Protein backbone atom coordinates (compact mmCIF):
# COMPACT_ATOMS: atom_id res chain seq x y z
CA MET A 1 -32.31 20.01 2.82
CA GLU A 2 -29.75 17.71 4.37
CA PHE A 3 -32.02 14.60 3.51
CA ARG A 4 -32.19 15.57 -0.16
CA LYS A 5 -28.55 15.99 -0.10
CA MET A 6 -27.87 12.51 1.48
CA LYS A 7 -30.56 10.97 -1.06
CA GLY A 8 -28.95 12.39 -4.22
CA PHE A 9 -25.49 11.24 -3.04
CA THR A 10 -26.78 7.74 -2.42
CA VAL A 11 -28.16 7.74 -6.06
CA THR A 12 -24.93 8.81 -7.46
CA SER A 13 -23.06 6.11 -5.61
CA VAL A 14 -25.62 3.38 -6.70
CA LYS A 15 -25.29 4.65 -10.17
CA THR A 16 -21.41 4.60 -10.14
CA SER A 17 -21.40 1.29 -8.67
CA ALA A 18 -23.86 0.02 -11.30
CA GLU A 19 -21.63 1.32 -14.05
CA ASP A 20 -18.52 -0.25 -12.48
CA LEU A 21 -20.37 -3.65 -12.23
CA ILE A 22 -21.29 -3.48 -16.03
CA LEU A 23 -17.72 -2.64 -17.04
CA ASN A 24 -16.50 -5.45 -14.92
CA ILE A 25 -19.01 -7.84 -16.68
CA VAL A 26 -17.94 -6.51 -20.07
CA LYS A 27 -14.39 -6.95 -19.51
CA PHE A 28 -15.08 -10.52 -18.17
CA TYR A 29 -16.83 -11.57 -21.40
CA GLU A 30 -14.18 -9.79 -23.65
CA ALA A 31 -11.36 -11.67 -21.53
């Protein structure tokens, strides 16, 4: 249970980081 919870949290964190990175790249090209 604890491991699955941690794994899900990690996946969410990675997904959020990837989305932030994409947004930063888009802002960079639009600037």
